[in-house]
C-alpha atoms as a PDB file:
ATOM      1  CA  MET A   1       0.000   0.000   0.000  1.00  0.00           C
ATOM      2  CA  ASP A   2       1.244   3.531  -0.778  1.00  0.00           C
ATOM      3  CA  SER A   3       2.135   5.741   2.143  1.00  0.00           C
ATOM      4  CA  ASP A   4      -0.692   7.798   3.564  1.00  0.00           C
ATOM      5  CA  PRO A   5      -0.286  11.487   2.617  1.00  0.00           C
ATOM      6  CA  ASP A   6      -2.109  12.467   5.827  1.00  0.00           C
ATOM      7  CA  GLU A   7       0.079  10.442   8.213  1.00  0.00           C
ATOM      8  CA  GLU A   8       2.406  13.269   9.257  1.00  0.00           C
ATOM      9  CA  LEU A   9      -0.453  15.748   9.612  1.00  0.00           C
ATOM     10  CA  LEU A  10      -2.387  13.289  11.801  1.00  0.00           C
ATOM     11  CA  ALA A  11       0.644  12.827  14.023  1.00  0.00           C
ATOM     12  CA  ARG A  12       0.803  16.607  14.514  1.00  0.00           C
ATOM     13  CA  VAL A  13      -2.955  16.726  15.251  1.00  0.00           C
ATOM     14  CA  ALA A  14      -2.451  13.925  17.799  1.00  0.00           C
ATOM     15  CA  ARG A  15       0.209  16.051  19.528  1.00  0.00           C
ATOM     16  CA  GLY A  16      -2.318  18.911  19.829  1.00  0.00           C
ATOM     17  CA  ASP A  17      -0.797  21.208  17.201  1.00  0.00           C
ATOM     18  CA  PRO A  18      -3.485  23.867  16.491  1.00  0.00           C
ATOM     19  CA  ALA A  19      -1.970  24.661  13.079  1.00  0.00           C
ATOM     20  CA  ALA A  20      -2.249  20.988  12.128  1.00  0.00           C
ATOM     21  CA  VAL A  21      -5.908  20.901  13.153  1.00  0.00           C
ATOM     22  CA  ARG A  22      -6.563  23.955  10.950  1.00  0.00           C
ATOM     23  CA  ALA A  23      -4.600  22.391   8.085  1.00  0.00           C
ATOM     24  CA  LEU A  24      -6.530  19.121   8.388  1.00  0.00           C
ATOM     25  CA  ALA A  25      -9.840  20.997   8.327  1.00  0.00           C
ATOM     26  CA  ALA A  26      -8.748  23.104   5.351  1.00  0.00           C
ATOM     27  CA  ARG A  27      -7.630  19.991   3.477  1.00  0.00           C
ATOM     28  CA  LYS A  28     -10.623  17.751   4.194  1.00  0.00           C
ATOM     29  CA  LEU A  29     -13.661  19.874   5.025  1.00  0.00           C
ATOM     30  CA  PRO A  30     -14.546  21.132   1.499  1.00  0.00           C
ATOM     31  CA  ARG A  31     -14.732  17.603   0.079  1.00  0.00           C
ATOM     32  CA  LEU A  32     -16.678  16.304   3.071  1.00  0.00           C
ATOM     33  CA  LEU A  33     -19.171  19.161   2.713  1.00  0.00           C
ATOM     34  CA  ALA A  34     -19.577  18.420  -0.989  1.00  0.00           C
ATOM     35  CA  LEU A  35     -20.081  14.699  -0.381  1.00  0.00           C
ATOM     36  CA  ALA A  36     -22.579  15.228   2.439  1.00  0.00           C
ATOM     37  CA  GLY A  37     -24.401  17.850   0.379  1.00  0.00           C
ATOM     38  CA  ARG A  38     -24.787  15.438  -2.528  1.00  0.00           C
ATOM     39  CA  MET A  39     -25.956  12.647  -0.263  1.00  0.00           C
ATOM     40  CA  LEU A  40     -28.358  14.688   1.872  1.00  0.00           C
ATOM     41  CA  GLY A  41     -29.456  17.511  -0.429  1.00  0.00           C
ATOM     42  CA  GLU A  42     -29.520  20.047   2.414  1.00  0.00           C
ATOM     43  CA  ALA A  43     -26.644  22.417   3.164  1.00  0.00           C
ATOM     44  CA  SER A  44     -27.314  22.728   6.900  1.00  0.00           C
ATOM     45  CA  GLU A  45     -27.407  18.952   7.372  1.00  0.00           C
ATOM     46  CA  ALA A  46     -24.284  18.593   5.240  1.00  0.00           C
ATOM     47  CA  GLU A  47     -22.477  21.110   7.457  1.00  0.00           C
ATOM     48  CA  ASP A  48     -23.512  19.188  10.578  1.00  0.00           C
ATOM     49  CA  VAL A  49     -22.303  15.894   9.113  1.00  0.00           C
ATOM     50  CA  ALA A  50     -18.983  17.351   7.920  1.00  0.00           C
ATOM     51  CA  GLN A  51     -18.409  18.947  11.318  1.00  0.00           C
ATOM     52  CA  GLU A  52     -19.138  15.657  13.114  1.00  0.00           C
ATOM     53  CA  ALA A  53     -16.774  13.801  10.762  1.00  0.00           C
ATOM     54  CA  MET A  54     -14.009  16.317  11.509  1.00  0.00           C
ATOM     55  CA  ILE A  55     -14.602  15.933  15.266  1.00  0.00           C
ATOM     56  CA  ARG A  56     -14.275  12.175  14.887  1.00  0.00           C
ATOM     57  CA  ALA A  57     -11.061  12.655  12.885  1.00  0.00           C
ATOM     58  CA  TRP A  58      -9.648  14.859  15.639  1.00  0.00           C
ATOM     59  CA  ARG A  59     -10.579  12.271  18.277  1.00  0.00           C
ATOM     60  CA  GLN A  60      -9.192   9.406  16.173  1.00  0.00           C
ATOM     61  CA  ALA A  61      -5.832  11.101  15.479  1.00  0.00           C
ATOM     62  CA  PRO A  62      -4.070   9.990  18.708  1.00  0.00           C
ATOM     63  CA  THR A  63      -4.933   6.328  18.108  1.00  0.00           C
ATOM     64  CA  TRP A  64      -4.674   6.246  14.301  1.00  0.00           C
ATOM     65  CA  ALA A  65      -2.693   3.211  13.159  1.00  0.00           C
ATOM     66  CA  PRO A  66      -1.420   3.676   9.619  1.00  0.00           C
ATOM     67  CA  GLY A  67      -1.477   0.733   7.280  1.00  0.00           C
ATOM     68  CA  ALA A  68      -4.966  -0.756   7.445  1.00  0.00           C
ATOM     69  CA  ALA A  69      -6.533   1.979   5.313  1.00  0.00           C
ATOM     70  CA  ARG A  70      -5.697   5.471   4.193  1.00  0.00           C
ATOM     71  CA  PHE A  71      -7.009   8.157   6.514  1.00  0.00           C
ATOM     72  CA  ASP A  72      -8.907   9.809   3.645  1.00  0.00           C
ATOM     73  CA  THR A  73     -10.713   6.517   2.920  1.00  0.00           C
ATOM     74  CA  TRP A  74     -11.677   6.159   6.587  1.00  0.00           C
ATOM     75  CA  LEU A  75     -12.866   9.775   6.789  1.00  0.00           C
ATOM     76  CA  HIS A  76     -15.058   9.455   3.681  1.00  0.00           C
ATOM     77  CA  ARG A  77     -16.563   6.235   5.077  1.00  0.00           C
ATOM     78  CA  VAL A  78     -17.336   8.011   8.366  1.00  0.00           C
ATOM     79  CA  THR A  79     -18.984  10.840   6.436  1.00  0.00           C
ATOM     80  CA  LEU A  80     -21.083   8.428   4.375  1.00  0.00           C
ATOM     81  CA  ASN A  81     -22.152   6.540   7.507  1.00  0.00           C
ATOM     82  CA  LEU A  82     -23.218   9.805   9.158  1.00  0.00           C
ATOM     83  CA  CYS A  83     -25.206  10.691   6.013  1.00  0.00           C
ATOM     84  CA  TYR A  84     -26.956   7.326   6.068  1.00  0.00           C
ATOM     85  CA  ASP A  85     -27.792   7.795   9.752  1.00  0.00           C
ATOM     86  CA  ARG A  86     -29.459  11.089   8.895  1.00  0.00           C
ATOM     87  CA  LEU A  87     -31.299   9.654   5.916  1.00  0.00           C
ATOM     88  CA  ARG A  88     -32.690   6.847   8.084  1.00  0.00           C
ATOM     89  CA  ARG A  89     -33.928   9.346  10.688  1.00  0.00           C
ATOM     90  CA  ARG A  90     -35.704  11.559   8.175  1.00  0.00           C
ATOM     91  CA  ARG A  91     -39.457  11.545   8.360  1.00  0.00           C
ATOM     92  CA  GLU A  92     -41.988  13.635   6.610  1.00  0.00           C
ATOM     93  CA  ILE A  93     -43.900  15.786   9.021  1.00  0.00           C
ATOM     94  CA  PRO A  94     -47.258  16.795   7.530  1.00  0.00           C
ATOM     95  CA  THR A  95     -48.243  20.413   8.032  1.00  0.00           C
ATOM     96  CA  GLU A  96     -51.312  22.295   6.988  1.00  0.00           C
ATOM     97  CA  THR A  97     -49.355  25.074   5.337  1.00  0.00           C
ATOM     98  CA  PRO A  98     -45.909  24.827   3.821  1.00  0.00           C
ATOM     99  CA  PRO A  99     -43.189  26.770   5.635  1.00  0.00           C
ATOM    100  CA  GLU A 100     -41.982  30.056   4.212  1.00  0.00           C
ATOM    101  CA  GLN A 101     -38.679  29.628   2.419  1.00  0.00           C
ATOM    102  CA  SER A 102     -36.341  32.279   1.150  1.00  0.00           C
ATOM    103  CA  ASP A 103     -35.065  31.924  -2.380  1.00  0.00           C
ATOM    104  CA  GLU A 104     -31.359  31.244  -2.080  1.00  0.00           C
ATOM    105  CA  GLY A 105     -30.920  30.760  -5.825  1.00  0.00           C
ATOM    106  CA  PRO A 106     -29.485  33.180  -8.361  1.00  0.00           C
ATOM    107  CA  ALA A 107     -31.136  36.462  -9.244  1.00  0.00           C
ATOM    108  CA  PRO A 108     -34.294  36.006 -11.350  1.00  0.00           C
ATOM    109  CA  ASP A 109     -32.650  37.303 -14.496  1.00  0.00           C
ATOM    110  CA  ARG A 110     -29.572  35.062 -14.274  1.00  0.00           C
ATOM    111  CA  GLY A 111     -28.917  31.409 -13.928  1.00  0.00           C
ATOM    112  CA  LEU A 112     -32.490  30.159 -14.149  1.00  0.00           C
ATOM    113  CA  GLU A 113     -31.649  27.399 -16.568  1.00  0.00           C
ATOM    114  CA  ALA A 114     -28.548  26.319 -14.636  1.00  0.00           C
ATOM    115  CA  SER A 115     -30.537  26.310 -11.423  1.00  0.00           C
ATOM    116  CA  ASP A 116     -33.237  24.173 -13.029  1.00  0.00           C
ATOM    117  CA  VAL A 117     -30.656  21.721 -14.362  1.00  0.00           C
ATOM    118  CA  GLY A 118     -29.044  21.515 -10.919  1.00  0.00           C
ATOM    119  CA  ARG A 119     -32.394  20.796  -9.278  1.00  0.00           C
ATOM    120  CA  ARG A 120     -33.237  18.169 -11.876  1.00  0.00           C
ATOM    121  CA  VAL A 121     -29.889  16.425 -11.428  1.00  0.00           C
ATOM    122  CA  ALA A 122     -30.213  16.585  -7.621  1.00  0.00           C
ATOM    123  CA  ALA A 123     -33.721  15.139  -7.830  1.00  0.00           C
ATOM    124  CA  ALA A 124     -32.537  12.361 -10.158  1.00  0.00           C
ATOM    125  CA  MET A 125     -29.639  11.602  -7.787  1.00  0.00           C
ATOM    126  CA  ALA A 126     -32.019  11.526  -4.801  1.00  0.00           C
ATOM    127  CA  VAL A 127     -34.095   8.690  -6.263  1.00  0.00           C
ATOM    128  CA  LEU A 128     -31.108   6.485  -7.094  1.00  0.00           C
ATOM    129  CA  PRO A 129     -30.637   3.523  -4.773  1.00  0.00           C
ATOM    130  CA  ASP A 130     -28.251   4.436  -1.943  1.00  0.00           C
ATOM    131  CA  ARG A 131     -25.249   2.469  -3.197  1.00  0.00           C
ATOM    132  CA  GLN A 132     -25.577   3.818  -6.755  1.00  0.00           C
ATOM    133  CA  ARG A 133     -25.891   7.395  -5.435  1.00  0.00           C
ATOM    134  CA  GLU A 134     -22.851   6.811  -3.238  1.00  0.00           C
ATOM    135  CA  ALA A 135     -20.784   5.480  -6.168  1.00  0.00           C
ATOM    136  CA  VAL A 136     -21.764   8.364  -8.466  1.00  0.00           C
ATOM    137  CA  ALA A 137     -21.116  10.966  -5.747  1.00  0.00           C
ATOM    138  CA  LEU A 138     -17.670   9.566  -4.921  1.00  0.00           C
ATOM    139  CA  CYS A 139     -16.495   9.174  -8.520  1.00  0.00           C
ATOM    140  CA  HIS A 140     -18.079  12.181 -10.206  1.00  0.00           C
ATOM    141  CA  TYR A 141     -18.435  14.787  -7.485  1.00  0.00           C
ATOM    142  CA  GLN A 142     -15.572  13.783  -5.166  1.00  0.00           C
ATOM    143  CA  GLU A 143     -13.401  12.965  -8.208  1.00  0.00           C
ATOM    144  CA  MET A 144     -12.116   9.752  -6.660  1.00  0.00           C
ATOM    145  CA  THR A 145     -10.645   7.036  -8.818  1.00  0.00           C
ATOM    146  CA  ASN A 146     -12.597   3.796  -9.068  1.00  0.00           C
ATOM    147  CA  ILE A 147     -10.026   2.133  -6.816  1.00  0.00           C
ATOM    148  CA  GLU A 148     -10.363   4.846  -4.137  1.00  0.00           C
ATOM    149  CA  ALA A 149     -14.163   4.855  -4.295  1.00  0.00           C
ATOM    150  CA  ALA A 150     -14.309   1.052  -4.112  1.00  0.00           C
ATOM    151  CA  ALA A 151     -12.124   1.174  -0.990  1.00  0.00           C
ATOM    152  CA  VAL A 152     -14.398   3.774   0.634  1.00  0.00           C
ATOM    153  CA  MET A 153     -17.471   1.707  -0.172  1.00  0.00           C
ATOM    154  CA  GLY A 154     -15.866  -1.580   0.822  1.00  0.00           C
ATOM    155  CA  VAL A 155     -16.597  -3.266  -2.516  1.00  0.00           C
ATOM    156  CA  SER A 156     -14.511  -4.617  -5.383  1.00  0.00           C
ATOM    157  CA  VAL A 157     -13.662  -2.343  -8.305  1.00  0.00           C
ATOM    158  CA  GLU A 158     -15.902  -4.510 -10.494  1.00  0.00           C
ATOM    159  CA  ALA A 159     -18.833  -4.059  -8.114  1.00  0.00           C
ATOM    160  CA  LEU A 160     -18.228  -0.296  -8.069  1.00  0.00           C
ATOM    161  CA  GLU A 161     -18.168  -0.175 -11.860  1.00  0.00           C
ATOM    162  CA  SER A 162     -21.458  -2.068 -11.948  1.00  0.00           C
ATOM    163  CA  LEU A 163     -23.014   0.405  -9.489  1.00  0.00           C
ATOM    164  CA  LEU A 164     -21.689   3.325 -11.551  1.00  0.00           C
ATOM    165  CA  SER A 165     -23.037   1.837 -14.767  1.00  0.00           C
ATOM    166  CA  ARG A 166     -26.509   1.318 -13.318  1.00  0.00           C
ATOM    167  CA  GLY A 167     -26.479   4.748 -11.675  1.00  0.00           C
ATOM    168  CA  ARG A 168     -25.416   6.516 -14.871  1.00  0.00           C
ATOM    169  CA  ARG A 169     -28.023   4.620 -16.878  1.00  0.00           C
ATOM    170  CA  ALA A 170     -30.757   5.640 -14.410  1.00  0.00           C
ATOM    171  CA  LEU A 171     -29.588   9.277 -14.494  1.00  0.00           C
ATOM    172  CA  ARG A 172     -29.508   9.286 -18.305  1.00  0.00           C
ATOM    173  CA  SER A 173     -33.036   7.907 -18.366  1.00  0.00           C
ATOM    174  CA  ALA A 174     -34.322  10.412 -15.801  1.00  0.00           C
ATOM    175  CA  LEU A 175     -32.671  13.334 -17.602  1.00  0.00           C
ATOM    176  CA  SER A 176     -33.177  12.150 -21.192  1.00  0.00           C
ATOM    177  CA  ASP A 177     -35.386  15.103 -22.122  1.00  0.00           C
ATOM    178  CA  MET A 178     -32.482  17.447 -21.326  1.00  0.00           C
ATOM    179  CA  MET A 179     -29.971  15.675 -23.590  1.00  0.00           C
ATOM    180  CA  ALA A 180     -29.134  17.127 -26.961  1.00  0.00           C
ATOM    181  CA  PRO A 181     -30.536  15.152 -29.932  1.00  0.00           C
END
């Protein structure tokens, strides 16, 4: 196995080096936020999950034993597990009137089409089976290689490729009306 690029940084975090903690957060937090956002579809929940994953990384640093897995693989798995915990706890709460929501999208005269495409893709991702959504999010949005994503998911590369193929096919089908002729 290749050496873990985070090993030295984790050792510094374990020693209580504040600069190392900041460096670890700067290095990992953006990708964790993006992954959680894709999995959960809600920015505030994604922030909570990413923060919890970083807390677990900080707590794990003193006892981290290099060699079994890369730290980045472990951290992505923790993030995915936290996302699945949240998804399992979600319940629809019926209300008589929908809550007021502010429009956080682009100005009305700009970006309407891009915003619509983003919503359509997010909706298509949301209905994928969990493992297919996970594979697509890791490979396409987290830009992991198939080998890295398979390690995070705990499956063979062949199984990952099968999940990706089925996920892509389902997305193409769901978004077929948007594709150029």
